[in-house]
Amino acid sequence: MLDVLWEDNHLLFVNKPAGVPSQGDSTGDVHLLEMAEEYIRVKYKKPGAAYVGLVHRIDRPVSGVVLFAKTSKALTRLNDIFRDKENIKIYHALTSIPLLEESGTLEHYLIKDSETHRAHAYNQPRGAAKHSVMHYKLLASLAGRYLYEITLETGRFHQIRAQLSKVGCPIIGDLKYGAKNNLPDRSIALHAHSLITPHVVRDMPSVSVHAPYPRKQWWGLFKDDLMKKGPKKYR
């Protein structure tokens, strides 16, 4: 069942469960895009296939906010917004090892290895590696778990996973990037918590949507007081 966070005539924000792919892949598993299409078809009693445009993706083992467009015009506008980095994406991550500082910025150079489907991070420029910047802040720590808020300045393949691994603080459950143990559901403790974006209708206020934490033991240690079911709007 699709967990809809907020929608209007143009936008559809949903909370993706960990383990569900954002779109179809070689596994043939049910994916979020087809779930959104079915939701629109049933809710609005549309004959045949419903139009839903995929604006962005988050990794399969990651949970959190994903935005879809409900019209082709909205998709075009959202593609421009994401390309021009006019929005803000905020993630929450759990690690079992703290970073050296409670807040700061990580800068690396990342390159994607297509054979291993993994990103490699370097401290200095190297070949085709792309400059990658993320900002972090410690929100809470409890029982050997550290909760960080992460804001991306760049959007690279596996950026958060690779950069945290590079500084010796892999995300809990992320075996691909150095975690010692997996989680029971094979997710990783990375959650796309908030998405703040201009609306596709230019004279409408921007929209900020937050996704609740998964109901899992490792997230249940922390209370998310920022969570609200509807979006905040502001000029």
Foldseek 3Di string as FASTA:
>chain_A
DWAWLDDDQWKTKTKFAAQAWCDDDPVRDDHDVVVVQVVCCVVVVPPDTADKAFQDTDDRLEIEIGMITRDPLSSVLSNVQVVVVVKKWKKKFKWLDDFPDQWDKFKWFWDADVVLRDIATHRDDDDPTHIWMKIKHFDDDDPSMTMIMIITPDDDRCRVQNRCLVRPTHTAQPVVSPHPHHDPVSHTRMYRFKMWTQGSPNVFFIWMTGDDDPPDPVPVVDDDPVHDSGIDTDD
